[in-house]
All heavy atoms as atom14 arrays in JSON, in Angstrom:
{
  "sequence": "DNGFMQFDHVRIPRENMLMKHSRVEPDGTYIKAKNSKLTYGTMVFV",
  "atom14_mask": [
    [1, 1, 1, 1, 1, 1, 1, 1, 0, 0, 0, 0, 0, 0],
    [1, 1, 1, 1, 1, 1, 1, 1, 0, 0, 0, 0, 0, 0],
    [1, 1, 1, 1, 0, 0, 0, 0, 0, 0, 0, 0, 0, 0],
    [1, 1, 1, 1, 1, 1, 1, 1, 1, 1, 1, 0, 0, 0],
    [1, 1, 1, 1, 1, 1, 1, 1, 0, 0, 0, 0, 0, 0],
    [1, 1, 1, 1, 1, 1, 1, 1, 1, 0, 0, 0, 0, 0],
    [1, 1, 1, 1, 1, 1, 1, 1, 1, 1, 1, 0, 0, 0],
    [1, 1, 1, 1, 1, 1, 1, 1, 0, 0, 0, 0, 0, 0],
    [1, 1, 1, 1, 1, 1, 1, 1, 1, 1, 0, 0, 0, 0],
    [1, 1, 1, 1, 1, 1, 1, 0, 0, 0, 0, 0, 0, 0],
    [1, 1, 1, 1, 1, 1, 1, 1, 1, 1, 1, 0, 0, 0],
    [1, 1, 1, 1, 1, 1, 1, 1, 0, 0, 0, 0, 0, 0],
    [1, 1, 1, 1, 1, 1, 1, 0, 0, 0, 0, 0, 0, 0],
    [1, 1, 1, 1, 1, 1, 1, 1, 1, 1, 1, 0, 0, 0],
    [1, 1, 1, 1, 1, 1, 1, 1, 1, 0, 0, 0, 0, 0],
    [1, 1, 1, 1, 1, 1, 1, 1, 0, 0, 0, 0, 0, 0],
    [1, 1, 1, 1, 1, 1, 1, 1, 0, 0, 0, 0, 0, 0],
    [1, 1, 1, 1, 1, 1, 1, 1, 0, 0, 0, 0, 0, 0],
    [1, 1, 1, 1, 1, 1, 1, 1, 0, 0, 0, 0, 0, 0],
    [1, 1, 1, 1, 1, 1, 1, 1, 1, 0, 0, 0, 0, 0],
    [1, 1, 1, 1, 1, 1, 1, 1, 1, 1, 0, 0, 0, 0],
    [1, 1, 1, 1, 1, 1, 0, 0, 0, 0, 0, 0, 0, 0],
    [1, 1, 1, 1, 1, 1, 1, 1, 1, 1, 1, 0, 0, 0],
    [1, 1, 1, 1, 1, 1, 1, 0, 0, 0, 0, 0, 0, 0],
    [1, 1, 1, 1, 1, 1, 1, 1, 1, 0, 0, 0, 0, 0],
    [1, 1, 1, 1, 1, 1, 1, 0, 0, 0, 0, 0, 0, 0],
    [1, 1, 1, 1, 1, 1, 1, 1, 0, 0, 0, 0, 0, 0],
    [1, 1, 1, 1, 0, 0, 0, 0, 0, 0, 0, 0, 0, 0],
    [1, 1, 1, 1, 1, 1, 1, 0, 0, 0, 0, 0, 0, 0],
    [1, 1, 1, 1, 1, 1, 1, 1, 1, 1, 1, 1, 0, 0],
    [1, 1, 1, 1, 1, 1, 1, 1, 0, 0, 0, 0, 0, 0],
    [1, 1, 1, 1, 1, 1, 1, 1, 1, 0, 0, 0, 0, 0],
    [1, 1, 1, 1, 1, 0, 0, 0, 0, 0, 0, 0, 0, 0],
    [1, 1, 1, 1, 1, 1, 1, 1, 1, 0, 0, 0, 0, 0],
    [1, 1, 1, 1, 1, 1, 1, 1, 0, 0, 0, 0, 0, 0],
    [1, 1, 1, 1, 1, 1, 0, 0, 0, 0, 0, 0, 0, 0],
    [1, 1, 1, 1, 1, 1, 1, 1, 1, 0, 0, 0, 0, 0],
    [1, 1, 1, 1, 1, 1, 1, 1, 0, 0, 0, 0, 0, 0],
    [1, 1, 1, 1, 1, 1, 1, 0, 0, 0, 0, 0, 0, 0],
    [1, 1, 1, 1, 1, 1, 1, 1, 1, 1, 1, 1, 0, 0],
    [1, 1, 1, 1, 0, 0, 0, 0, 0, 0, 0, 0, 0, 0],
    [1, 1, 1, 1, 1, 1, 1, 0, 0, 0, 0, 0, 0, 0],
    [1, 1, 1, 1, 1, 1, 1, 1, 0, 0, 0, 0, 0, 0],
    [1, 1, 1, 1, 1, 1, 1, 0, 0, 0, 0, 0, 0, 0],
    [1, 1, 1, 1, 1, 1, 1, 1, 1, 1, 1, 0, 0, 0],
    [1, 1, 1, 1, 1, 1, 1, 0, 0, 0, 0, 0, 0, 0]
  ],
  "atom14_positions": [
    [[98.96, 213.58, -54.88], [99.03, 213.73, -53.42], [98.02, 214.77, -52.94], [98.38, 215.83, -52.44], [100.45, 214.11, -52.99], [100.98, 215.34, -53.72], [100.7, 215.47, -54.92], [101.68, 216.16, -53.09], [0.0, 0.0, 0.0], [0.0, 0.0, 0.0], [0.0, 0.0, 0.0], [0.0, 0.0, 0.0], [0.0, 0.0, 0.0], [0.0, 0.0, 0.0]],
    [[96.74, 214.44, -53.07], [95.72, 215.31, -52.49], [95.99, 215.43, -50.99], [96.26, 214.44, -50.33], [94.33, 214.74, -52.71], [93.95, 214.72, -54.18], [94.31, 213.79, -54.91], [93.23, 215.73, -54.62], [0.0, 0.0, 0.0], [0.0, 0.0, 0.0], [0.0, 0.0, 0.0], [0.0, 0.0, 0.0], [0.0, 0.0, 0.0], [0.0, 0.0, 0.0]],
    [[95.9, 216.66, -50.48], [96.37, 216.85, -49.11], [95.41, 217.55, -48.19], [94.31, 217.97, -48.57], [0.0, 0.0, 0.0], [0.0, 0.0, 0.0], [0.0, 0.0, 0.0], [0.0, 0.0, 0.0], [0.0, 0.0, 0.0], [0.0, 0.0, 0.0], [0.0, 0.0, 0.0], [0.0, 0.0, 0.0], [0.0, 0.0, 0.0], [0.0, 0.0, 0.0]],
    [[95.85, 217.68, -46.92], [95.12, 218.47, -45.93], [96.06, 219.53, -45.38], [97.29, 219.41, -45.44], [94.57, 217.6, -44.79], [95.61, 216.92, -43.94], [96.25, 217.59, -42.89], [95.96, 215.6, -44.17], [97.2, 216.97, -42.1], [96.91, 214.96, -43.38], [97.54, 215.65, -42.35], [0.0, 0.0, 0.0], [0.0, 0.0, 0.0], [0.0, 0.0, 0.0]],
    [[95.48, 220.61, -44.83], [96.28, 221.72, -44.33], [95.54, 222.42, -43.2], [94.35, 222.71, -43.32], [96.58, 222.69, -45.47], [97.37, 223.93, -45.1], [98.04, 224.77, -46.58], [96.57, 225.04, -47.59], [0.0, 0.0, 0.0], [0.0, 0.0, 0.0], [0.0, 0.0, 0.0], [0.0, 0.0, 0.0], [0.0, 0.0, 0.0], [0.0, 0.0, 0.0]],
    [[96.27, 222.69, -42.13], [95.7, 223.4, -40.98], [96.58, 224.6, -40.65], [97.82, 224.5, -40.67], [95.61, 222.47, -39.77], [94.95, 223.08, -38.55], [94.8, 222.08, -37.42], [95.56, 221.11, -37.32], [93.8, 222.28, -36.58], [0.0, 0.0, 0.0], [0.0, 0.0, 0.0], [0.0, 0.0, 0.0], [0.0, 0.0, 0.0], [0.0, 0.0, 0.0]],
    [[95.96, 225.72, -40.35], [96.69, 226.94, -40.01], [96.49, 227.29, -38.54], [95.36, 227.22, -38.02], [96.18, 228.13, -40.85], [96.37, 227.96, -42.34], [95.31, 227.6, -43.15], [97.62, 228.16, -42.91], [95.48, 227.46, -44.51], [97.81, 228.01, -44.27], [96.74, 227.67, -45.08], [0.0, 0.0, 0.0], [0.0, 0.0, 0.0], [0.0, 0.0, 0.0]],
    [[97.58, 227.66, -37.9], [97.52, 228.12, -36.51], [98.04, 229.55, -36.44], [99.22, 229.8, -36.21], [98.35, 227.19, -35.61], [98.25, 227.56, -34.13], [97.45, 228.46, -33.79], [99.0, 226.97, -33.33], [0.0, 0.0, 0.0], [0.0, 0.0, 0.0], [0.0, 0.0, 0.0], [0.0, 0.0, 0.0], [0.0, 0.0, 0.0], [0.0, 0.0, 0.0]],
    [[97.13, 230.5, -36.71], [97.45, 231.93, -36.65], [98.7, 232.28, -37.48], [99.67, 232.84, -36.98], [97.63, 232.38, -35.2], [96.39, 232.21, -34.37], [96.15, 231.07, -33.64], [95.33, 233.04, -34.18], [94.99, 231.2, -33.01], [94.46, 232.38, -33.32], [0.0, 0.0, 0.0], [0.0, 0.0, 0.0], [0.0, 0.0, 0.0], [0.0, 0.0, 0.0]],
    [[98.66, 231.91, -38.75], [99.77, 232.17, -39.66], [99.62, 233.58, -40.23], [98.58, 233.93, -40.78], [99.81, 231.14, -40.8], [100.89, 231.49, -41.81], [100.04, 229.74, -40.24], [0.0, 0.0, 0.0], [0.0, 0.0, 0.0], [0.0, 0.0, 0.0], [0.0, 0.0, 0.0], [0.0, 0.0, 0.0], [0.0, 0.0, 0.0], [0.0, 0.0, 0.0]],
    [[100.67, 234.38, -40.1], [100.62, 235.77, -40.56], [101.22, 235.91, -41.96], [102.27, 235.34, -42.25], [101.36, 236.69, -39.58], [100.61, 236.88, -38.26], [101.35, 237.79, -37.3], [100.5, 238.11, -36.15], [99.71, 239.17, -36.05], [99.72, 240.07, -37.04], [98.95, 239.38, -35.0], [0.0, 0.0, 0.0], [0.0, 0.0, 0.0], [0.0, 0.0, 0.0]],
    [[100.51, 236.68, -42.79], [100.99, 236.98, -44.14], [100.85, 238.48, -44.37], [99.99, 239.13, -43.78], [100.21, 236.19, -45.22], [98.72, 236.58, -45.19], [100.39, 234.69, -45.04], [97.91, 236.01, -46.34], [0.0, 0.0, 0.0], [0.0, 0.0, 0.0], [0.0, 0.0, 0.0], [0.0, 0.0, 0.0], [0.0, 0.0, 0.0], [0.0, 0.0, 0.0]],
    [[101.66, 239.07, -45.26], [101.55, 240.51, -45.53], [100.2, 240.86, -46.16], [99.58, 240.02, -46.83], [102.69, 240.77, -46.52], [103.62, 239.62, -46.36], [102.79, 238.44, -45.98], [0.0, 0.0, 0.0], [0.0, 0.0, 0.0], [0.0, 0.0, 0.0], [0.0, 0.0, 0.0], [0.0, 0.0, 0.0], [0.0, 0.0, 0.0], [0.0, 0.0, 0.0]],
    [[99.76, 242.07, -45.97], [98.51, 242.54, -46.56], [98.51, 242.33, -48.07], [97.48, 241.99, -48.67], [98.31, 244.03, -46.25], [97.0, 244.63, -46.8], [96.91, 246.12, -46.5], [97.94, 246.86, -47.22], [97.78, 247.35, -48.46], [96.65, 247.15, -49.12], [98.77, 248.01, -49.04], [0.0, 0.0, 0.0], [0.0, 0.0, 0.0], [0.0, 0.0, 0.0]],
    [[99.67, 242.53, -48.7], [99.78, 242.4, -50.15], [99.53, 240.98, -50.65], [99.45, 240.75, -51.85], [101.16, 242.88, -50.62], [101.41, 244.36, -50.43], [101.79, 244.73, -49.0], [102.0, 243.81, -48.19], [101.86, 245.94, -48.7], [0.0, 0.0, 0.0], [0.0, 0.0, 0.0], [0.0, 0.0, 0.0], [0.0, 0.0, 0.0], [0.0, 0.0, 0.0]],
    [[99.43, 240.02, -49.74], [99.2, 238.63, -50.16], [97.72, 238.31, -50.37], [97.38, 237.19, -50.74], [99.8, 237.66, -49.15], [101.29, 237.51, -49.33], [101.97, 238.46, -49.74], [101.83, 236.35, -49.01], [0.0, 0.0, 0.0], [0.0, 0.0, 0.0], [0.0, 0.0, 0.0], [0.0, 0.0, 0.0], [0.0, 0.0, 0.0], [0.0, 0.0, 0.0]],
    [[96.85, 239.28, -50.08], [95.46, 239.13, -50.5], [95.4, 239.48, -51.99], [95.87, 240.53, -52.41], [94.55, 240.08, -49.71], [93.12, 240.12, -50.22], [92.13, 241.37, -49.35], [90.61, 241.31, -50.3], [0.0, 0.0, 0.0], [0.0, 0.0, 0.0], [0.0, 0.0, 0.0], [0.0, 0.0, 0.0], [0.0, 0.0, 0.0], [0.0, 0.0, 0.0]],
    [[94.82, 238.59, -52.81], [94.73, 238.86, -54.24], [93.69, 239.96, -54.45], [92.52, 239.81, -54.11], [94.37, 237.6, -55.01], [95.36, 236.44, -54.86], [95.02, 235.31, -55.83], [96.8, 236.89, -55.08], [0.0, 0.0, 0.0], [0.0, 0.0, 0.0], [0.0, 0.0, 0.0], [0.0, 0.0, 0.0], [0.0, 0.0, 0.0], [0.0, 0.0, 0.0]],
    [[94.13, 241.08, -55.04], [93.34, 242.31, -54.99], [92.95, 242.88, -56.36], [92.79, 244.09, -56.51], [94.1, 243.39, -54.2], [94.37, 243.02, -52.76], [95.01, 244.45, -51.82], [95.53, 243.67, -50.3], [0.0, 0.0, 0.0], [0.0, 0.0, 0.0], [0.0, 0.0, 0.0], [0.0, 0.0, 0.0], [0.0, 0.0, 0.0], [0.0, 0.0, 0.0]],
    [[92.78, 242.04, -57.35], [92.35, 242.57, -58.65], [90.93, 243.12, -58.6], [90.62, 244.16, -59.2], [92.45, 241.49, -59.72], [92.03, 241.96, -61.11], [92.21, 240.87, -62.15], [91.82, 241.37, -63.54], [92.03, 240.32, -64.58], [0.0, 0.0, 0.0], [0.0, 0.0, 0.0], [0.0, 0.0, 0.0], [0.0, 0.0, 0.0], [0.0, 0.0, 0.0]],
    [[90.05, 242.43, -57.88], [88.64, 242.8, -57.88], [88.18, 243.45, -56.57], [87.28, 244.27, -56.57], [87.76, 241.58, -58.18], [88.09, 240.93, -59.49], [87.96, 241.58, -60.69], [88.55, 239.69, -59.79], [88.31, 240.78, -61.69], [88.68, 239.62, -61.16], [0.0, 0.0, 0.0], [0.0, 0.0, 0.0], [0.0, 0.0, 0.0], [0.0, 0.0, 0.0]],
    [[88.75, 243.07, -55.47], [88.44, 243.69, -54.18], [89.73, 243.78, -53.39], [90.68, 243.03, -53.65], [87.4, 242.87, -53.42], [87.84, 241.54, -53.22], [0.0, 0.0, 0.0], [0.0, 0.0, 0.0], [0.0, 0.0, 0.0], [0.0, 0.0, 0.0], [0.0, 0.0, 0.0], [0.0, 0.0, 0.0], [0.0, 0.0, 0.0], [0.0, 0.0, 0.0]],
    [[89.78, 244.67, -52.4], [91.03, 244.86, -51.67], [90.78, 245.43, -50.28], [89.68, 245.93, -49.98], [91.98, 245.76, -52.45], [91.51, 247.2, -52.6], [92.51, 248.0, -53.46], [92.19, 249.43, -53.48], [91.34, 249.99, -54.33], [90.71, 249.23, -55.22], [91.11, 251.29, -54.29], [0.0, 0.0, 0.0], [0.0, 0.0, 0.0], [0.0, 0.0, 0.0]],
    [[91.81, 245.37, -49.46], [91.8, 245.98, -48.14], [92.93, 247.0, -48.1], [94.09, 246.67, -48.37], [91.99, 244.92, -47.03], [92.16, 245.6, -45.66], [90.8, 243.96, -47.0], [0.0, 0.0, 0.0], [0.0, 0.0, 0.0], [0.0, 0.0, 0.0], [0.0, 0.0, 0.0], [0.0, 0.0, 0.0], [0.0, 0.0, 0.0], [0.0, 0.0, 0.0]],
    [[92.6, 248.24, -47.77], [93.6, 249.3, -47.67], [94.39, 249.15, -46.37], [93.95, 248.46, -45.45], [92.91, 250.67, -47.72], [92.12, 250.94, -48.99], [93.01, 251.15, -50.2], [94.24, 251.04, -50.08], [92.47, 251.39, -51.29], [0.0, 0.0, 0.0], [0.0, 0.0, 0.0], [0.0, 0.0, 0.0], [0.0, 0.0, 0.0], [0.0, 0.0, 0.0]],
    [[95.56, 249.78, -46.27], [96.37, 249.67, -45.05], [95.59, 250.0, -43.77], [95.8, 249.38, -42.73], [97.5, 250.68, -45.28], [97.66, 250.7, -46.77], [96.29, 250.57, -47.32], [0.0, 0.0, 0.0], [0.0, 0.0, 0.0], [0.0, 0.0, 0.0], [0.0, 0.0, 0.0], [0.0, 0.0, 0.0], [0.0, 0.0, 0.0], [0.0, 0.0, 0.0]],
    [[94.66, 250.96, -43.84], [93.92, 251.34, -42.63], [92.73, 250.43, -42.36], [91.97, 250.65, -41.42], [93.45, 252.79, -42.73], [92.45, 253.0, -43.86], [92.17, 252.04, -44.61], [91.95, 254.13, -44.0], [0.0, 0.0, 0.0], [0.0, 0.0, 0.0], [0.0, 0.0, 0.0], [0.0, 0.0, 0.0], [0.0, 0.0, 0.0], [0.0, 0.0, 0.0]],
    [[92.54, 249.39, -43.18], [91.44, 248.46, -42.97], [90.2, 248.76, -43.78], [89.2, 248.04, -43.68], [0.0, 0.0, 0.0], [0.0, 0.0, 0.0], [0.0, 0.0, 0.0], [0.0, 0.0, 0.0], [0.0, 0.0, 0.0], [0.0, 0.0, 0.0], [0.0, 0.0, 0.0], [0.0, 0.0, 0.0], [0.0, 0.0, 0.0], [0.0, 0.0, 0.0]],
    [[90.23, 249.77, -44.6], [89.09, 250.08, -45.46], [88.94, 248.97, -46.52], [89.89, 248.62, -47.2], [89.27, 251.44, -46.17], [89.42, 252.45, -45.17], [88.06, 251.75, -47.05], [0.0, 0.0, 0.0], [0.0, 0.0, 0.0], [0.0, 0.0, 0.0], [0.0, 0.0, 0.0], [0.0, 0.0, 0.0], [0.0, 0.0, 0.0], [0.0, 0.0, 0.0]],
    [[87.71, 248.45, -46.63], [87.46, 247.36, -47.59], [86.81, 247.93, -48.85], [85.81, 248.63, -48.79], [86.54, 246.31, -46.97], [86.12, 245.22, -47.94], [87.05, 244.3, -48.43], [84.8, 245.12, -48.37], [86.68, 243.31, -49.31], [84.41, 244.12, -49.26], [85.36, 243.22, -49.73], [84.99, 242.24, -50.62], [0.0, 0.0, 0.0], [0.0, 0.0, 0.0]],
    [[87.41, 247.63, -50.0], [86.87, 248.02, -51.3], [86.34, 246.76, -51.97], [87.11, 245.86, -52.32], [87.95, 248.67, -52.2], [88.7, 249.77, -51.42], [87.32, 249.21, -53.47], [87.83, 250.91, -50.98], [0.0, 0.0, 0.0], [0.0, 0.0, 0.0], [0.0, 0.0, 0.0], [0.0, 0.0, 0.0], [0.0, 0.0, 0.0], [0.0, 0.0, 0.0]],
    [[85.01, 246.69, -52.14], [84.44, 245.44, -52.66], [84.49, 245.38, -54.19], [84.62, 246.4, -54.88], [83.0, 245.28, -52.19], [82.01, 246.27, -52.76], [80.6, 245.95, -52.26], [79.57, 246.91, -52.87], [78.21, 246.57, -52.4], [0.0, 0.0, 0.0], [0.0, 0.0, 0.0], [0.0, 0.0, 0.0], [0.0, 0.0, 0.0], [0.0, 0.0, 0.0]],
    [[84.36, 244.16, -54.71], [84.38, 243.93, -56.16], [83.09, 244.44, -56.79], [82.06, 244.56, -56.13], [84.54, 242.44, -56.44], [0.0, 0.0, 0.0], [0.0, 0.0, 0.0], [0.0, 0.0, 0.0], [0.0, 0.0, 0.0], [0.0, 0.0, 0.0], [0.0, 0.0, 0.0], [0.0, 0.0, 0.0], [0.0, 0.0, 0.0], [0.0, 0.0, 0.0]],
    [[83.15, 244.76, -58.09], [81.97, 245.19, -58.81], [80.9, 244.1, -58.82], [79.71, 244.38, -58.82], [82.33, 245.56, -60.25], [83.24, 246.78, -60.39], [83.56, 247.05, -61.85], [84.5, 248.23, -62.02], [84.84, 248.48, -63.45], [0.0, 0.0, 0.0], [0.0, 0.0, 0.0], [0.0, 0.0, 0.0], [0.0, 0.0, 0.0], [0.0, 0.0, 0.0]],
    [[81.35, 242.87, -58.86], [80.43, 241.73, -58.9], [81.06, 240.62, -58.09], [82.22, 240.24, -58.32], [80.19, 241.28, -60.34], [79.09, 240.24, -60.45], [79.11, 239.22, -59.76], [78.13, 240.5, -61.32], [0.0, 0.0, 0.0], [0.0, 0.0, 0.0], [0.0, 0.0, 0.0], [0.0, 0.0, 0.0], [0.0, 0.0, 0.0], [0.0, 0.0, 0.0]],
    [[80.31, 240.05, -57.14], [80.88, 239.03, -56.25], [81.33, 237.8, -57.0], [82.25, 237.09, -56.57], [79.83, 238.63, -55.19], [78.67, 238.09, -55.8], [0.0, 0.0, 0.0], [0.0, 0.0, 0.0], [0.0, 0.0, 0.0], [0.0, 0.0, 0.0], [0.0, 0.0, 0.0], [0.0, 0.0, 0.0], [0.0, 0.0, 0.0], [0.0, 0.0, 0.0]],
    [[80.72, 237.52, -58.15], [81.08, 236.31, -58.91], [82.42, 236.43, -59.61], [82.95, 235.44, -60.13], [79.98, 235.97, -59.91], [78.71, 235.44, -59.26], [77.69, 235.03, -60.29], [76.49, 234.33, -59.66], [75.77, 235.16, -58.71], [0.0, 0.0, 0.0], [0.0, 0.0, 0.0], [0.0, 0.0, 0.0], [0.0, 0.0, 0.0], [0.0, 0.0, 0.0]],
    [[83.0, 237.64, -59.64], [84.31, 237.8, -60.25], [85.37, 236.98, -59.53], [86.36, 236.55, -60.12], [84.71, 239.28, -60.25], [83.98, 240.18, -61.25], [84.28, 241.65, -60.96], [84.35, 239.83, -62.68], [0.0, 0.0, 0.0], [0.0, 0.0, 0.0], [0.0, 0.0, 0.0], [0.0, 0.0, 0.0], [0.0, 0.0, 0.0], [0.0, 0.0, 0.0]],
    [[85.18, 236.73, -58.23], [86.16, 235.97, -57.46], [86.09, 234.48, -57.76], [86.93, 233.72, -57.29], [85.95, 236.2, -55.95], [84.62, 235.8, -55.6], [86.15, 237.66, -55.6], [0.0, 0.0, 0.0], [0.0, 0.0, 0.0], [0.0, 0.0, 0.0], [0.0, 0.0, 0.0], [0.0, 0.0, 0.0], [0.0, 0.0, 0.0], [0.0, 0.0, 0.0]],
    [[85.07, 234.04, -58.5], [84.92, 232.63, -58.81], [85.43, 232.29, -60.21], [85.1, 231.25, -60.78], [83.45, 232.2, -58.69], [82.83, 232.45, -57.33], [81.47, 232.65, -57.18], [83.63, 232.49, -56.19], [80.9, 232.88, -55.94], [83.07, 232.72, -54.93], [81.71, 232.92, -54.81], [81.16, 233.15, -53.58], [0.0, 0.0, 0.0], [0.0, 0.0, 0.0]],
    [[86.23, 233.18, -60.79], [86.7, 232.99, -62.16], [87.45, 231.7, -62.37], [87.31, 231.04, -63.39], [0.0, 0.0, 0.0], [0.0, 0.0, 0.0], [0.0, 0.0, 0.0], [0.0, 0.0, 0.0], [0.0, 0.0, 0.0], [0.0, 0.0, 0.0], [0.0, 0.0, 0.0], [0.0, 0.0, 0.0], [0.0, 0.0, 0.0], [0.0, 0.0, 0.0]],
    [[88.28, 231.3, -61.39], [89.06, 230.07, -61.54], [88.15, 228.86, -61.65], [88.36, 227.97, -62.47], [90.01, 229.89, -60.34], [90.87, 231.02, -60.27], [90.85, 228.63, -60.5], [0.0, 0.0, 0.0], [0.0, 0.0, 0.0], [0.0, 0.0, 0.0], [0.0, 0.0, 0.0], [0.0, 0.0, 0.0], [0.0, 0.0, 0.0], [0.0, 0.0, 0.0]],
    [[87.11, 228.81, -60.81], [86.2, 227.68, -60.85], [85.48, 227.58, -62.19], [85.3, 226.49, -62.72], [85.17, 227.78, -59.72], [85.74, 227.5, -58.36], [84.44, 227.42, -57.13], [83.75, 229.06, -57.26], [0.0, 0.0, 0.0], [0.0, 0.0, 0.0], [0.0, 0.0, 0.0], [0.0, 0.0, 0.0], [0.0, 0.0, 0.0], [0.0, 0.0, 0.0]],
    [[85.07, 228.73, -62.73], [84.39, 228.73, -64.03], [85.34, 228.2, -65.1], [84.94, 227.41, -65.96], [83.9, 230.14, -64.38], [83.36, 230.18, -65.8], [82.82, 230.59, -63.4], [0.0, 0.0, 0.0], [0.0, 0.0, 0.0], [0.0, 0.0, 0.0], [0.0, 0.0, 0.0], [0.0, 0.0, 0.0], [0.0, 0.0, 0.0], [0.0, 0.0, 0.0]],
    [[86.6, 228.62, -65.05], [87.59, 228.13, -66.01], [87.75, 226.62, -65.9], [87.73, 225.9, -66.92], [88.93, 228.81, -65.77], [90.07, 228.2, -66.55], [90.18, 228.41, -67.91], [91.01, 227.4, -65.91], [91.22, 227.83, -68.63], [92.05, 226.83, -66.62], [92.15, 227.04, -67.99], [0.0, 0.0, 0.0], [0.0, 0.0, 0.0], [0.0, 0.0, 0.0]],
    [[87.87, 226.12, -64.68], [88.08, 224.68, -64.5], [86.84, 223.91, -64.94], [86.96, 222.81, -65.51], [88.43, 224.37, -63.03], [88.52, 222.86, -62.8], [89.77, 225.02, -62.67], [0.0, 0.0, 0.0], [0.0, 0.0, 0.0], [0.0, 0.0, 0.0], [0.0, 0.0, 0.0], [0.0, 0.0, 0.0], [0.0, 0.0, 0.0], [0.0, 0.0, 0.0]]
  ]
}
């Protein structure tokens, strides 16, 4: 069942951003990953 999905301003907690490599602090400070390609790990595995 390949699907489609549309979001209309859906709110999620800050902690729901996956933050192993990069993150957003409570005050909005962004901490970037050491290497941008680290976020593509799943695709490389697949």
